[in-house]
Amino acid sequence: MTKPLPQKRKRLPKSFKDLTPSQHFKPGAFFRELVWKALITRRRGEHKRPVFPKLKHGQVAITWIGHASFLLQFTDLNVLVDPNFANWLFLLKRIKCSGLRIEDLPPIDLVLLTHAHFDHFHKPTLRKLPHPKIGVMPWGVGDLAQNLGFARVIELEWWESFAQRDWKVTLTPSQHWGARTLHDQHRGYGGFVLENQGRRIYHAGDSAYFEGFKEIGQRLAPDVALLPIGAYHPETFRKVHMGPDQAVKAFNDVRAQWFVPMHYGTFKLSFEDLDEPPRWLLKLAHENGISEKIRILEEGVPTVF
């Protein structure tokens, strides 16, 4: 299933039009839907002062910060995935406040960065973190992490792992792209499976639905799958993102016990209503008999799995 890296690189965007998932960039529509509507929408939510639970060996507390950003906590390990506390991404306004403030984070042992896109690899946030020890990211992304406070930067290719003490992290394939700028053709992308204390947590990063989810389930079936469900309309956006319908299929493919949705409701990155993805997901979950497996997290509130 894993393709040689040169073949993947040919699929990276060559122009600004290609950086829009629909590949038919219309400046007026994008400005109206993604910039202007967000600008006139009042920012919702609030920063919470988190009450981190006292964990037992084998338990994991997951706190959704917003968008694709999570804090994962074990008794011996604190992990951030794609941390982004920004109120603005250039012209894009954050519609929902981050669930907690950076200063309320515990000491961070490990940061996982799924790819170089600005909403996932947010340099201002990374600079403000309290000196995380290790940053793990896909191939070709490490140079962006220089001078951001990491004691060590690790680059992985698909299915490659890095381990320290009792934990291990593996970079898994995804259907997306990794370029940070227009002709930035050497950067990788993917998701991560974090293994610690007998648990496996899967963060899919950004991805369209693809057959690779089945291989992830065969190799590394996780306990908890953090799966994106937003930024899918218009239909051509599904070349690089999933809607709730495809995310349910991916959840079944990876063989997880719990489905935690993400990548919705924080930034307006596409044309569907901000509250549509979770509403549609719950409807599909009911129809597919998996309602008890869906855990929609409230930003800033730790949940123990």
Protein backbone atom coordinates (compact mmCIF):
# COMPACT_ATOMS: atom_id res chain seq x y z
CA MET A 1 0.00 0.00 0.00
CA THR A 2 2.80 2.43 0.85
CA LYS A 3 4.02 4.14 -2.31
CA PRO A 4 7.59 5.33 -2.89
CA LEU A 5 8.06 8.92 -1.81
CA PRO A 6 8.86 10.31 -5.28
CA GLN A 7 5.45 9.15 -6.53
CA LYS A 8 3.71 10.91 -3.66
CA ARG A 9 5.64 14.11 -4.27
CA LYS A 10 4.27 14.38 -7.82
CA ARG A 11 0.81 14.86 -6.32
CA LEU A 12 1.75 17.98 -4.39
CA PRO A 13 0.15 21.28 -5.47
CA LYS A 14 1.85 23.27 -8.21
CA SER A 15 -0.16 26.49 -7.97
CA PHE A 16 -2.36 28.48 -5.62
CA LYS A 17 -5.39 26.95 -7.34
CA ASP A 18 -4.15 23.51 -6.33
CA LEU A 19 -3.87 24.62 -2.72
CA THR A 20 -7.66 24.89 -2.64
CA PRO A 21 -9.10 21.36 -2.42
CA SER A 22 -11.69 22.08 -5.11
CA GLN A 23 -8.95 23.15 -7.56
CA HIS A 24 -11.25 25.85 -8.93
CA PHE A 25 -10.31 28.77 -6.72
CA LYS A 26 -12.85 31.59 -6.82
CA PRO A 27 -11.55 34.51 -4.76
CA GLY A 28 -14.96 36.11 -4.28
CA ALA A 29 -16.60 32.95 -2.96
CA PHE A 30 -13.68 32.15 -0.67
CA PHE A 31 -13.54 35.66 0.74
CA ARG A 32 -17.29 35.75 1.32
CA GLU A 33 -17.61 32.28 2.87
CA LEU A 34 -14.33 31.88 4.74
CA VAL A 35 -13.25 35.41 5.63
CA TRP A 36 -16.24 37.75 5.70
CA LYS A 37 -18.76 35.40 7.32
CA ALA A 38 -16.22 34.47 9.99
CA LEU A 39 -15.34 38.11 10.56
CA ILE A 40 -18.94 39.07 11.36
CA THR A 41 -19.49 35.96 13.51
CA ARG A 42 -18.94 36.47 17.22
CA ARG A 43 -16.27 34.20 18.67
CA ARG A 44 -17.85 31.55 20.86
CA GLY A 45 -16.72 29.45 23.78
CA GLU A 46 -14.34 30.21 26.60
CA HIS A 47 -10.97 29.21 27.95
CA LYS A 48 -11.41 26.71 30.78
CA ARG A 49 -9.02 26.19 33.63
CA PRO A 50 -8.65 22.44 33.23
CA VAL A 51 -8.99 20.04 36.11
CA PHE A 52 -6.65 17.26 35.08
CA PRO A 53 -7.72 13.88 36.50
CA LYS A 54 -5.52 11.65 38.60
CA LEU A 55 -4.85 8.73 36.31
CA LYS A 56 -4.13 5.08 36.92
CA HIS A 57 -1.65 3.08 34.88
CA GLY A 58 -3.23 2.30 31.50
CA GLN A 59 -5.64 5.24 31.54
CA VAL A 60 -5.35 8.13 29.10
CA ALA A 61 -6.94 11.56 29.48
CA ILE A 62 -7.73 13.31 26.21
CA THR A 63 -8.38 17.05 26.13
CA TRP A 64 -9.57 18.65 22.92
CA ILE A 65 -8.05 22.12 22.55
CA GLY A 66 -9.95 22.77 19.31
CA HIS A 67 -9.59 22.09 15.57
CA ALA A 68 -7.04 19.22 15.35
CA SER A 69 -5.24 20.10 18.62
CA PHE A 70 -5.23 17.65 21.53
CA LEU A 71 -3.50 17.08 24.84
CA LEU A 72 -2.98 13.37 25.62
CA GLN A 73 -2.01 12.49 29.18
CA PHE A 74 -0.80 9.27 30.76
CA THR A 75 0.62 8.81 34.25
CA ASP A 76 4.12 9.14 32.77
CA LEU A 77 3.69 11.12 29.54
CA ASN A 78 2.14 14.39 28.35
CA VAL A 79 1.68 14.76 24.58
CA LEU A 80 0.43 17.59 22.38
CA VAL A 81 -0.79 16.88 18.84
CA ASP A 82 -0.94 19.71 16.29
CA PRO A 83 -1.20 22.44 18.95
CA ASN A 84 -2.80 25.65 17.71
CA PHE A 85 -3.94 28.38 20.12
CA ALA A 86 -4.20 31.12 17.48
CA ASN A 87 -7.14 33.51 17.32
CA TRP A 88 -6.27 34.27 13.70
CA LEU A 89 -4.65 32.39 10.82
CA PHE A 90 -3.80 35.26 8.51
CA LEU A 91 -7.30 36.41 7.45
CA LEU A 92 -9.08 33.41 8.96
CA LYS A 93 -10.71 34.15 12.31
CA ARG A 94 -10.97 31.54 15.02
CA ILE A 95 -14.70 31.11 15.65
CA LYS A 96 -14.42 28.97 18.81
CA CYS A 97 -11.98 29.83 21.59
CA SER A 98 -9.26 27.35 22.43
CA GLY A 99 -10.40 25.12 25.25
CA LEU A 100 -7.55 26.16 27.53
CA ARG A 101 -4.66 28.58 27.60
CA ILE A 102 -1.06 27.69 26.89
CA GLU A 103 -0.07 28.68 30.43
CA ASP A 104 -2.47 26.07 31.82
CA LEU A 105 -0.74 23.20 30.03
CA PRO A 106 1.21 20.66 32.08
CA PRO A 107 4.90 20.09 31.23
CA ILE A 108 5.01 18.65 27.71
CA ASP A 109 7.19 15.62 26.95
CA LEU A 110 6.30 15.11 23.30
CA VAL A 111 4.76 17.11 20.44
CA LEU A 112 3.39 15.32 17.36
CA LEU A 113 2.97 17.41 14.20
CA THR A 114 1.08 15.72 11.38
CA HIS A 115 2.08 18.07 8.53
CA ALA A 116 3.28 21.58 7.73
CA HIS A 117 -0.02 23.34 6.99
CA PHE A 118 -0.41 26.51 9.01
CA ASP A 119 -3.47 25.33 10.95
CA HIS A 120 -1.60 22.22 12.14
CA PHE A 121 2.02 23.41 12.37
CA HIS A 122 1.50 26.78 14.05
CA LYS A 123 4.88 28.30 14.79
CA PRO A 124 3.70 31.07 17.19
CA THR A 125 2.05 28.42 19.35
CA LEU A 126 5.09 26.15 19.26
CA ARG A 127 7.38 29.02 20.29
CA LYS A 128 5.27 29.63 23.39
CA LEU A 129 5.25 26.04 24.62
CA PRO A 130 7.26 25.43 27.79
CA HIS A 131 10.29 23.84 26.07
CA PRO A 132 8.90 20.47 24.95
CA LYS A 133 11.55 17.78 24.92
CA ILE A 134 10.83 16.00 21.63
CA GLY A 135 9.04 16.95 18.40
CA VAL A 136 8.07 14.17 16.00
CA MET A 137 6.94 15.00 12.46
CA PRO A 138 6.94 13.62 8.89
CA TRP A 139 9.91 13.69 6.55
CA GLY A 140 10.98 17.08 5.27
CA VAL A 141 9.30 19.07 8.07
CA GLY A 142 12.14 19.17 10.59
CA ASP A 143 13.74 22.37 9.27
CA LEU A 144 10.56 24.27 10.18
CA ALA A 145 10.99 23.19 13.79
CA GLN A 146 14.43 24.71 14.24
CA ASN A 147 14.65 27.40 16.93
CA LEU A 148 11.19 26.56 18.28
CA GLY A 149 12.43 25.22 21.62
CA PHE A 150 12.58 21.49 20.93
CA ALA A 151 15.41 19.63 22.58
CA ARG A 152 15.20 17.02 19.83
CA VAL A 153 13.45 16.84 16.42
CA ILE A 154 12.60 13.47 14.84
CA GLU A 155 11.45 12.99 11.25
CA LEU A 156 9.64 9.80 10.23
CA GLU A 157 8.49 8.21 7.00
CA TRP A 158 5.27 6.21 6.72
CA TRP A 159 5.25 3.17 9.04
CA GLU A 160 8.50 4.26 10.65
CA SER A 161 8.47 4.44 14.45
CA PHE A 162 10.34 6.26 17.19
CA ALA A 163 10.40 4.91 20.73
CA GLN A 164 11.73 6.09 24.06
CA ARG A 165 11.31 4.45 27.43
CA ASP A 166 7.95 2.64 27.29
CA TRP A 167 6.21 4.69 24.58
CA LYS A 168 6.33 4.47 20.79
CA VAL A 169 4.93 6.63 18.01
CA THR A 170 4.41 5.52 14.39
CA LEU A 171 3.74 7.76 11.38
CA THR A 172 0.82 6.37 9.38
CA PRO A 173 -0.24 7.20 5.80
CA SER A 174 -3.00 9.66 4.96
CA GLN A 175 -4.58 11.07 1.79
CA HIS A 176 -3.55 14.73 1.90
CA TRP A 177 -0.49 16.80 1.02
CA GLY A 178 2.33 18.42 2.96
CA ALA A 179 3.40 21.61 1.17
CA ARG A 180 3.60 24.72 3.34
CA THR A 181 4.11 27.07 0.37
CA LEU A 182 3.21 26.85 -3.30
CA HIS A 183 6.23 24.92 -4.58
CA ASP A 184 7.23 23.28 -1.30
CA GLN A 185 7.48 19.78 -2.71
CA HIS A 186 9.62 17.90 -0.21
CA ARG A 187 7.49 17.77 2.94
CA GLY A 188 5.62 14.75 4.18
CA TYR A 189 2.29 14.29 5.96
CA GLY A 190 0.35 11.61 7.77
CA GLY A 191 -1.22 10.58 11.05
CA PHE A 192 0.22 9.08 14.22
CA VAL A 193 -0.43 6.07 16.39
CA LEU A 194 0.88 6.62 19.91
CA GLU A 195 1.41 3.50 22.02
CA ASN A 196 1.92 3.69 25.77
CA GLN A 197 0.92 1.61 28.79
CA GLY A 198 -0.88 -0.91 26.59
CA ARG A 199 -3.02 1.74 24.88
CA ARG A 200 -3.05 2.97 21.28
CA ILE A 201 -4.29 6.43 20.33
CA TYR A 202 -4.65 7.29 16.64
CA HIS A 203 -4.67 10.86 15.35
CA ALA A 204 -5.42 10.84 11.62
CA GLY A 205 -4.14 14.33 10.86
CA ASP A 206 -5.81 15.74 7.75
CA SER A 207 -7.02 13.11 5.32
CA ALA A 208 -9.55 12.21 2.69
CA TYR A 209 -11.00 8.73 2.91
CA PHE A 210 -8.68 6.12 1.35
CA GLU A 211 -8.03 2.40 1.50
CA GLY A 212 -5.03 2.97 3.76
CA PHE A 213 -7.31 3.14 6.80
CA LYS A 214 -7.80 -0.62 6.46
CA GLU A 215 -4.06 -1.23 6.64
CA ILE A 216 -3.80 1.01 9.71
CA GLY A 217 -6.49 -1.13 11.34
CA GLN A 218 -4.71 -4.34 10.39
CA ARG A 219 -1.33 -3.20 11.68
CA LEU A 220 -2.11 -0.92 14.61
CA ALA A 221 -5.79 -1.11 15.53
CA PRO A 222 -6.17 1.72 18.07
CA ASP A 223 -8.32 2.02 21.18
CA VAL A 224 -9.25 5.62 20.37
CA ALA A 225 -9.40 7.18 16.90
CA LEU A 226 -9.27 10.98 16.58
CA LEU A 227 -10.79 11.52 13.14
CA PRO A 228 -11.50 14.70 11.12
CA ILE A 229 -15.12 15.32 10.12
CA GLY A 230 -15.09 18.89 8.74
CA ALA A 231 -14.06 20.93 5.67
CA TYR A 232 -15.83 18.67 3.15
CA HIS A 233 -18.08 21.02 1.17
CA PRO A 234 -18.08 21.58 -1.78
CA GLU A 235 -17.80 17.95 -2.81
CA THR A 236 -14.39 18.41 -4.42
CA PHE A 237 -12.91 19.24 -0.99
CA ARG A 238 -13.22 15.52 -0.29
CA LYS A 239 -10.06 15.00 -2.31
CA VAL A 240 -8.17 15.97 0.85
CA HIS A 241 -10.76 15.94 3.69
CA MET A 242 -13.51 13.66 5.01
CA GLY A 243 -17.11 14.31 5.85
CA PRO A 244 -18.80 12.48 8.74
CA ASP A 245 -20.03 9.75 6.37
CA GLN A 246 -16.53 8.84 5.27
CA ALA A 247 -15.16 9.28 8.79
CA VAL A 248 -17.58 6.62 10.03
CA LYS A 249 -16.25 4.31 7.33
CA ALA A 250 -12.66 5.13 8.36
CA PHE A 251 -13.55 4.43 12.00
CA ASN A 252 -14.78 0.97 11.07
CA ASP A 253 -11.67 0.38 8.93
CA VAL A 254 -9.19 1.22 11.70
CA ARG A 255 -11.06 -1.05 14.15
CA ALA A 256 -11.07 1.43 17.00
CA GLN A 257 -13.23 1.21 20.11
CA TRP A 258 -13.88 4.95 20.43
CA PHE A 259 -14.40 7.66 17.83
CA VAL A 260 -13.47 11.23 18.84
CA PRO A 261 -14.32 13.73 16.07
CA MET A 262 -12.12 16.75 15.33
CA HIS A 263 -11.34 19.35 12.65
CA TYR A 264 -14.67 21.16 12.83
CA GLY A 265 -16.21 24.19 14.49
CA THR A 266 -13.00 26.16 15.14
CA PHE A 267 -11.98 27.80 11.86
CA LYS A 268 -14.26 28.18 8.85
CA LEU A 269 -12.25 26.34 6.21
CA SER A 270 -15.08 25.30 3.87
CA PHE A 271 -18.67 26.03 2.98
CA GLU A 272 -20.72 23.75 5.25
CA ASP A 273 -22.26 25.25 8.40
CA LEU A 274 -19.95 25.05 11.40
CA ASP A 275 -22.41 22.98 13.43
CA GLU A 276 -23.32 20.59 10.62
CA PRO A 277 -20.48 18.01 10.99
CA PRO A 278 -21.25 16.84 14.57
CA ARG A 279 -25.00 16.90 13.91
CA TRP A 280 -24.59 14.73 10.82
CA LEU A 281 -22.13 12.44 12.62
CA LEU A 282 -24.60 11.73 15.45
CA LYS A 283 -27.34 10.97 12.92
CA LEU A 284 -25.08 8.54 11.06
CA ALA A 285 -23.93 6.96 14.32
CA HIS A 286 -27.55 6.28 15.28
CA GLU A 287 -28.29 4.79 11.87
CA ASN A 288 -25.18 2.58 12.04
CA GLY A 289 -25.64 1.45 15.64
CA ILE A 290 -22.42 3.01 16.92
CA SER A 291 -23.79 5.89 19.01
CA GLU A 292 -22.22 4.51 22.18
CA LYS A 293 -18.79 4.61 20.52
CA ILE A 294 -18.89 8.31 19.62
CA ARG A 295 -17.34 10.70 22.15
CA ILE A 296 -17.84 14.34 21.21
CA LEU A 297 -15.48 16.24 23.49
CA GLU A 298 -16.03 19.68 24.93
CA GLU A 299 -13.02 21.90 24.39
CA GLY A 300 -10.86 22.19 27.49
CA VAL A 301 -12.50 19.33 29.40
CA PRO A 302 -10.29 16.23 29.94
CA THR A 303 -11.99 12.91 29.23
CA VAL A 304 -10.57 9.63 30.55
CA PHE A 305 -10.51 6.56 28.31
